[in-house]
Amino acid sequence: MSSLPPLAGAVWHKSSHSGRGNDACVEVADNLPGIVGVRDSVDPHGPALAVTPAAWRALTTQIKTGAHTL
């Protein structure tokens, strides 16, 4: 199993699809080479996911086509 680099240096931005309230906001960092960071904006110091760009594209495509209920 390979490890992904840490998310130090990540520049986070709130997803345009996040809810208008403060309870359903996802932040994404796509400025690091080879990884996309994903975290809960309500808990910015909590855990974050680091996924490959291909995995992130696959997930967002599945969400847009209705494969996942959010």
PDB file of N, CA and C in Angstrom:
ATOM      1  N   MET A   1       0.848  -1.171   0.000  1.00  0.00           N
ATOM      2  CA  MET A   1       0.000   0.000   0.000  1.00  0.00           C
ATOM      3  C   MET A   1       0.895   1.237   0.000  1.00  0.00           C
ATOM      4  N   SER A   2       0.613   2.183  -0.865  1.00  0.00           N
ATOM      5  CA  SER A   2       1.391   3.411  -0.889  1.00  0.00           C
ATOM      6  C   SER A   2       0.695   4.462  -0.028  1.00  0.00           C
ATOM      7  N   SER A   3       1.467   5.396   0.476  1.00  0.00           N
ATOM      8  CA  SER A   3       0.873   6.451   1.281  1.00  0.00           C
ATOM      9  C   SER A   3       0.830   7.731   0.458  1.00  0.00           C
ATOM     10  N   LEU A   4      -0.197   8.514   0.712  1.00  0.00           N
ATOM     11  CA  LEU A   4      -0.336   9.795   0.037  1.00  0.00           C
ATOM     12  C   LEU A   4       0.383  10.861   0.847  1.00  0.00           C
ATOM     13  N   PRO A   5       0.863  11.916   0.199  1.00  0.00           N
ATOM     14  CA  PRO A   5       1.537  12.983   0.949  1.00  0.00           C
ATOM     15  C   PRO A   5       0.548  13.683   1.887  1.00  0.00           C
ATOM     16  N   PRO A   6       1.054  14.283   2.940  1.00  0.00           N
ATOM     17  CA  PRO A   6       0.168  14.996   3.865  1.00  0.00           C
ATOM     18  C   PRO A   6      -0.481  16.192   3.181  1.00  0.00           C
ATOM     19  N   LEU A   7      -1.526  16.691   3.805  1.00  0.00           N
ATOM     20  CA  LEU A   7      -2.274  17.802   3.228  1.00  0.00           C
ATOM     21  C   LEU A   7      -1.742  19.163   3.663  1.00  0.00           C
ATOM     22  N   ALA A   8      -0.532  19.181   4.227  1.00  0.00           N
ATOM     23  CA  ALA A   8       0.085  20.461   4.571  1.00  0.00           C
ATOM     24  C   ALA A   8       0.241  21.274   3.299  1.00  0.00           C
ATOM     25  N   GLY A   9      -0.120  22.514   3.351  1.00  0.00           N
ATOM     26  CA  GLY A   9      -0.036  23.367   2.171  1.00  0.00           C
ATOM     27  C   GLY A   9      -1.300  23.363   1.329  1.00  0.00           C
ATOM     28  N   ALA A  10      -2.291  22.597   1.767  1.00  0.00           N
ATOM     29  CA  ALA A  10      -3.556  22.551   1.026  1.00  0.00           C
ATOM     30  C   ALA A  10      -4.263  23.901   1.108  1.00  0.00           C
ATOM     31  N   VAL A  11      -4.820  24.331  -0.005  1.00  0.00           N
ATOM     32  CA  VAL A  11      -5.641  25.536  -0.055  1.00  0.00           C
ATOM     33  C   VAL A  11      -7.079  25.065  -0.196  1.00  0.00           C
ATOM     34  N   TRP A  12      -7.870  25.272   0.855  1.00  0.00           N
ATOM     35  CA  TRP A  12      -9.230  24.752   0.936  1.00  0.00           C
ATOM     36  C   TRP A  12     -10.247  25.752   0.399  1.00  0.00           C
ATOM     37  N   HIS A  13     -11.256  25.240  -0.296  1.00  0.00           N
ATOM     38  CA  HIS A  13     -12.384  26.078  -0.713  1.00  0.00           C
ATOM     39  C   HIS A  13     -13.670  25.276  -0.555  1.00  0.00           C
ATOM     40  N   LYS A  14     -14.723  25.985  -0.203  1.00  0.00           N
ATOM     41  CA  LYS A  14     -16.004  25.324   0.025  1.00  0.00           C
ATOM     42  C   LYS A  14     -16.614  24.913  -1.306  1.00  0.00           C
ATOM     43  N   SER A  15     -17.140  23.715  -1.342  1.00  0.00           N
ATOM     44  CA  SER A  15     -17.793  23.229  -2.547  1.00  0.00           C
ATOM     45  C   SER A  15     -18.980  24.112  -2.888  1.00  0.00           C
ATOM     46  N   SER A  16     -19.164  24.385  -4.170  1.00  0.00           N
ATOM     47  CA  SER A  16     -20.322  25.181  -4.602  1.00  0.00           C
ATOM     48  C   SER A  16     -21.625  24.429  -4.403  1.00  0.00           C
ATOM     49  N   HIS A  17     -21.549  23.131  -4.157  1.00  0.00           N
ATOM     50  CA  HIS A  17     -22.745  22.315  -3.950  1.00  0.00           C
ATOM     51  C   HIS A  17     -23.064  22.102  -2.484  1.00  0.00           C
ATOM     52  N   SER A  18     -22.285  22.707  -1.585  1.00  0.00           N
ATOM     53  CA  SER A  18     -22.552  22.564  -0.159  1.00  0.00           C
ATOM     54  C   SER A  18     -23.812  23.335   0.203  1.00  0.00           C
ATOM     55  N   GLY A  19     -24.423  22.912   1.272  1.00  0.00           N
ATOM     56  CA  GLY A  19     -25.646  23.563   1.735  1.00  0.00           C
ATOM     57  C   GLY A  19     -25.394  24.999   2.156  1.00  0.00           C
ATOM     58  N   ARG A  20     -26.460  25.780   2.183  1.00  0.00           N
ATOM     59  CA  ARG A  20     -26.333  27.184   2.580  1.00  0.00           C
ATOM     60  C   ARG A  20     -26.140  27.334   4.089  1.00  0.00           C
ATOM     61  N   GLY A  21     -26.586  26.358   4.867  1.00  0.00           N
ATOM     62  CA  GLY A  21     -26.394  26.400   6.312  1.00  0.00           C
ATOM     63  C   GLY A  21     -24.983  26.024   6.666  1.00  0.00           C
ATOM     64  N   ASN A  22     -24.686  26.023   7.932  1.00  0.00           N
ATOM     65  CA  ASN A  22     -23.329  25.690   8.383  1.00  0.00           C
ATOM     66  C   ASN A  22     -23.153  24.222   8.717  1.00  0.00           C
ATOM     67  N   ASP A  23     -24.174  23.391   8.464  1.00  0.00           N
ATOM     68  CA  ASP A  23     -24.100  22.011   8.912  1.00  0.00           C
ATOM     69  C   ASP A  23     -23.822  21.001   7.809  1.00  0.00           C
ATOM     70  N   ALA A  24     -23.717  21.408   6.571  1.00  0.00           N
ATOM     71  CA  ALA A  24     -23.510  20.453   5.484  1.00  0.00           C
ATOM     72  C   ALA A  24     -22.527  21.019   4.459  1.00  0.00           C
ATOM     73  N   CYS A  25     -21.360  21.385   4.917  1.00  0.00           N
ATOM     74  CA  CYS A  25     -20.388  22.010   4.017  1.00  0.00           C
ATOM     75  C   CYS A  25     -19.149  21.151   3.843  1.00  0.00           C
ATOM     76  N   VAL A  26     -18.799  20.934   2.608  1.00  0.00           N
ATOM     77  CA  VAL A  26     -17.600  20.177   2.266  1.00  0.00           C
ATOM     78  C   VAL A  26     -16.589  21.152   1.687  1.00  0.00           C
ATOM     79  N   GLU A  27     -15.351  21.011   2.118  1.00  0.00           N
ATOM     80  CA  GLU A  27     -14.276  21.803   1.548  1.00  0.00           C
ATOM     81  C   GLU A  27     -13.344  20.870   0.783  1.00  0.00           C
ATOM     82  N   VAL A  28     -12.823  21.390  -0.320  1.00  0.00           N
ATOM     83  CA  VAL A  28     -11.959  20.608  -1.201  1.00  0.00           C
ATOM     84  C   VAL A  28     -10.663  21.388  -1.412  1.00  0.00           C
ATOM     85  N   ALA A  29      -9.568  20.665  -1.434  1.00  0.00           N
ATOM     86  CA  ALA A  29      -8.268  21.255  -1.765  1.00  0.00           C
ATOM     87  C   ALA A  29      -7.730  20.508  -2.976  1.00  0.00           C
ATOM     88  N   ASP A  30      -7.595  21.226  -4.079  1.00  0.00           N
ATOM     89  CA  ASP A  30      -7.123  20.578  -5.306  1.00  0.00           C
ATOM     90  C   ASP A  30      -5.839  21.216  -5.833  1.00  0.00           C
ATOM     91  N   ASN A  31      -5.102  21.858  -4.942  1.00  0.00           N
ATOM     92  CA  ASN A  31      -3.870  22.525  -5.363  1.00  0.00           C
ATOM     93  C   ASN A  31      -2.612  21.677  -5.187  1.00  0.00           C
ATOM     94  N   LEU A  32      -2.751  20.481  -4.633  1.00  0.00           N
ATOM     95  CA  LEU A  32      -1.584  19.633  -4.407  1.00  0.00           C
ATOM     96  C   LEU A  32      -1.449  18.608  -5.528  1.00  0.00           C
ATOM     97  N   PRO A  33      -0.252  18.387  -6.031  1.00  0.00           N
ATOM     98  CA  PRO A  33      -0.087  17.457  -7.144  1.00  0.00           C
ATOM     99  C   PRO A  33      -0.427  16.016  -6.750  1.00  0.00           C
ATOM    100  N   GLY A  34      -1.310  15.410  -7.521  1.00  0.00           N
ATOM    101  CA  GLY A  34      -1.613  13.992  -7.345  1.00  0.00           C
ATOM    102  C   GLY A  34      -2.640  13.636  -6.298  1.00  0.00           C
ATOM    103  N   ILE A  35      -3.159  14.624  -5.544  1.00  0.00           N
ATOM    104  CA  ILE A  35      -4.178  14.321  -4.541  1.00  0.00           C
ATOM    105  C   ILE A  35      -5.238  15.411  -4.489  1.00  0.00           C
ATOM    106  N   VAL A  36      -6.394  15.039  -4.000  1.00  0.00           N
ATOM    107  CA  VAL A  36      -7.474  15.983  -3.708  1.00  0.00           C
ATOM    108  C   VAL A  36      -7.819  15.778  -2.241  1.00  0.00           C
ATOM    109  N   GLY A  37      -7.812  16.861  -1.487  1.00  0.00           N
ATOM    110  CA  GLY A  37      -8.183  16.796  -0.079  1.00  0.00           C
ATOM    111  C   GLY A  37      -9.661  17.112   0.077  1.00  0.00           C
ATOM    112  N   VAL A  38     -10.308  16.434   1.008  1.00  0.00           N
ATOM    113  CA  VAL A  38     -11.730  16.655   1.280  1.00  0.00           C
ATOM    114  C   VAL A  38     -11.907  16.681   2.796  1.00  0.00           C
ATOM    115  N   ARG A  39     -12.626  17.690   3.292  1.00  0.00           N
ATOM    116  CA  ARG A  39     -12.874  17.772   4.733  1.00  0.00           C
ATOM    117  C   ARG A  39     -14.214  18.451   5.004  1.00  0.00           C
ATOM    118  N   ASP A  40     -14.650  18.333   6.239  1.00  0.00           N
ATOM    119  CA  ASP A  40     -15.870  18.968   6.723  1.00  0.00           C
ATOM    120  C   ASP A  40     -15.509  20.382   7.164  1.00  0.00           C
ATOM    121  N   SER A  41     -16.139  21.392   6.587  1.00  0.00           N
ATOM    122  CA  SER A  41     -15.780  22.769   6.932  1.00  0.00           C
ATOM    123  C   SER A  41     -16.176  23.133   8.359  1.00  0.00           C
ATOM    124  N   VAL A  42     -17.114  22.406   8.952  1.00  0.00           N
ATOM    125  CA  VAL A  42     -17.507  22.667  10.332  1.00  0.00           C
ATOM    126  C   VAL A  42     -16.398  22.248  11.293  1.00  0.00           C
ATOM    127  N   ASP A  43     -15.568  21.293  10.881  1.00  0.00           N
ATOM    128  CA  ASP A  43     -14.483  20.783  11.717  1.00  0.00           C
ATOM    129  C   ASP A  43     -13.166  20.827  10.937  1.00  0.00           C
ATOM    130  N   PRO A  44     -12.663  22.027  10.631  1.00  0.00           N
ATOM    131  CA  PRO A  44     -11.480  22.123   9.777  1.00  0.00           C
ATOM    132  C   PRO A  44     -10.208  21.520  10.370  1.00  0.00           C
ATOM    133  N   HIS A  45     -10.179  21.304  11.668  1.00  0.00           N
ATOM    134  CA  HIS A  45      -9.003  20.693  12.289  1.00  0.00           C
ATOM    135  C   HIS A  45      -9.204  19.201  12.522  1.00  0.00           C
ATOM    136  N   GLY A  46     -10.351  18.696  12.104  1.00  0.00           N
ATOM    137  CA  GLY A  46     -10.656  17.277  12.235  1.00  0.00           C
ATOM    138  C   GLY A  46     -10.045  16.485  11.096  1.00  0.00           C
ATOM    139  N   PRO A  47     -10.504  15.269  10.922  1.00  0.00           N
ATOM    140  CA  PRO A  47      -9.937  14.415   9.877  1.00  0.00           C
ATOM    141  C   PRO A  47     -10.243  14.938   8.478  1.00  0.00           C
ATOM    142  N   ALA A  48      -9.365  14.615   7.557  1.00  0.00           N
ATOM    143  CA  ALA A  48      -9.553  14.962   6.148  1.00  0.00           C
ATOM    144  C   ALA A  48      -9.192  13.737   5.321  1.00  0.00           C
ATOM    145  N   LEU A  49      -9.812  13.645   4.173  1.00  0.00           N
ATOM    146  CA  LEU A  49      -9.517  12.560   3.249  1.00  0.00           C
ATOM    147  C   LEU A  49      -8.540  13.057   2.191  1.00  0.00           C
ATOM    148  N   ALA A  50      -7.673  12.184   1.746  1.00  0.00           N
ATOM    149  CA  ALA A  50      -6.787  12.471   0.621  1.00  0.00           C
ATOM    150  C   ALA A  50      -7.039  11.375  -0.405  1.00  0.00           C
ATOM    151  N   VAL A  51      -7.548  11.768  -1.561  1.00  0.00           N
ATOM    152  CA  VAL A  51      -7.888  10.804  -2.611  1.00  0.00           C
ATOM    153  C   VAL A  51      -7.196  11.209  -3.905  1.00  0.00           C
ATOM    154  N   THR A  52      -7.117  10.284  -4.821  1.00  0.00           N
ATOM    155  CA  THR A  52      -6.532  10.605  -6.118  1.00  0.00           C
ATOM    156  C   THR A  52      -7.523  11.461  -6.911  1.00  0.00           C
ATOM    157  N   PRO A  53      -7.030  12.259  -7.837  1.00  0.00           N
ATOM    158  CA  PRO A  53      -7.944  13.021  -8.678  1.00  0.00           C
ATOM    159  C   PRO A  53      -8.934  12.119  -9.430  1.00  0.00           C
ATOM    160  N   ALA A  54      -8.495  10.950  -9.868  1.00  0.00           N
ATOM    161  CA  ALA A  54      -9.393  10.032 -10.580  1.00  0.00           C
ATOM    162  C   ALA A  54     -10.522   9.550  -9.669  1.00  0.00           C
ATOM    163  N   ALA A  55     -10.185   9.240  -8.425  1.00  0.00           N
ATOM    164  CA  ALA A  55     -11.211   8.798  -7.473  1.00  0.00           C
ATOM    165  C   ALA A  55     -12.194   9.928  -7.189  1.00  0.00           C
ATOM    166  N   TRP A  56     -11.710  11.152  -7.059  1.00  0.00           N
ATOM    167  CA  TRP A  56     -12.579  12.304  -6.810  1.00  0.00           C
ATOM    168  C   TRP A  56     -13.514  12.542  -8.002  1.00  0.00           C
ATOM    169  N   ARG A  57     -12.973  12.458  -9.221  1.00  0.00           N
ATOM    170  CA  ARG A  57     -13.809  12.626 -10.415  1.00  0.00           C
ATOM    171  C   ARG A  57     -14.875  11.546 -10.480  1.00  0.00           C
ATOM    172  N   ALA A  58     -14.493  10.307 -10.169  1.00  0.00           N
ATOM    173  CA  ALA A  58     -15.466   9.208 -10.200  1.00  0.00           C
ATOM    174  C   ALA A  58     -16.578   9.440  -9.191  1.00  0.00           C
ATOM    175  N   LEU A  59     -16.233   9.852  -7.976  1.00  0.00           N
ATOM    176  CA  LEU A  59     -17.251  10.100  -6.957  1.00  0.00           C
ATOM    177  C   LEU A  59     -18.178  11.238  -7.363  1.00  0.00           C
ATOM    178  N   THR A  60     -17.609  12.354  -7.810  1.00  0.00           N
ATOM    179  CA  THR A  60     -18.467  13.487  -8.168  1.00  0.00           C
ATOM    180  C   THR A  60     -19.344  13.163  -9.383  1.00  0.00           C
ATOM    181  N   THR A  61     -18.839  12.370 -10.301  1.00  0.00           N
ATOM    182  CA  THR A  61     -19.659  11.941 -11.446  1.00  0.00           C
ATOM    183  C   THR A  61     -20.816  11.073 -10.974  1.00  0.00           C
ATOM    184  N   GLN A  62     -20.536  10.139 -10.063  1.00  0.00           N
ATOM    185  CA  GLN A  62     -21.595   9.282  -9.535  1.00  0.00           C
ATOM    186  C   GLN A  62     -22.646  10.089  -8.781  1.00  0.00           C
ATOM    187  N   ILE A  63     -22.217  11.083  -8.023  1.00  0.00           N
ATOM    188  CA  ILE A  63     -23.172  11.932  -7.301  1.00  0.00           C
ATOM    189  C   ILE A  63     -24.049  12.692  -8.287  1.00  0.00           C
ATOM    190  N   LYS A  64     -23.440  13.263  -9.316  1.00  0.00           N
ATOM    191  CA  LYS A  64     -24.193  14.035 -10.306  1.00  0.00           C
ATOM    192  C   LYS A  64     -25.197  13.180 -11.072  1.00  0.00           C
ATOM    193  N   THR A  65     -24.904  11.902 -11.250  1.00  0.00           N
ATOM    194  CA  THR A  65     -25.822  11.026 -11.997  1.00  0.00           C
ATOM    195  C   THR A  65     -26.833  10.343 -11.100  1.00  0.00           C
ATOM    196  N   GLY A  66     -26.778  10.648  -9.788  1.00  0.00           N
ATOM    197  CA  GLY A  66     -27.776  10.106  -8.873  1.00  0.00           C
ATOM    198  C   GLY A  66     -27.454   8.741  -8.300  1.00  0.00           C
ATOM    199  N   ALA A  67     -26.212   8.283  -8.455  1.00  0.00           N
ATOM    200  CA  ALA A  67     -25.851   6.964  -7.939  1.00  0.00           C
ATOM    201  C   ALA A  67     -25.773   6.952  -6.416  1.00  0.00           C
ATOM    202  N   HIS A  68     -25.612   8.112  -5.806  1.00  0.00           N
ATOM    203  CA  HIS A  68     -25.532   8.213  -4.350  1.00  0.00           C
ATOM    204  C   HIS A  68     -26.571   9.211  -3.854  1.00  0.00           C
ATOM    205  N   THR A  69     -27.252   8.868  -2.795  1.00  0.00           N
ATOM    206  CA  THR A  69     -28.200   9.782  -2.170  1.00  0.00           C
ATOM    207  C   THR A  69     -27.471  10.537  -1.074  1.00  0.00           C
ATOM    208  N   LEU A  70     -27.534  11.846  -1.161  1.00  0.00           N
ATOM    209  CA  LEU A  70     -26.853  12.657  -0.158  1.00  0.00           C
ATOM    210  C   LEU A  70     -27.838  13.213   0.833  1.00  0.00           C
TER     211      LEU A  70
END
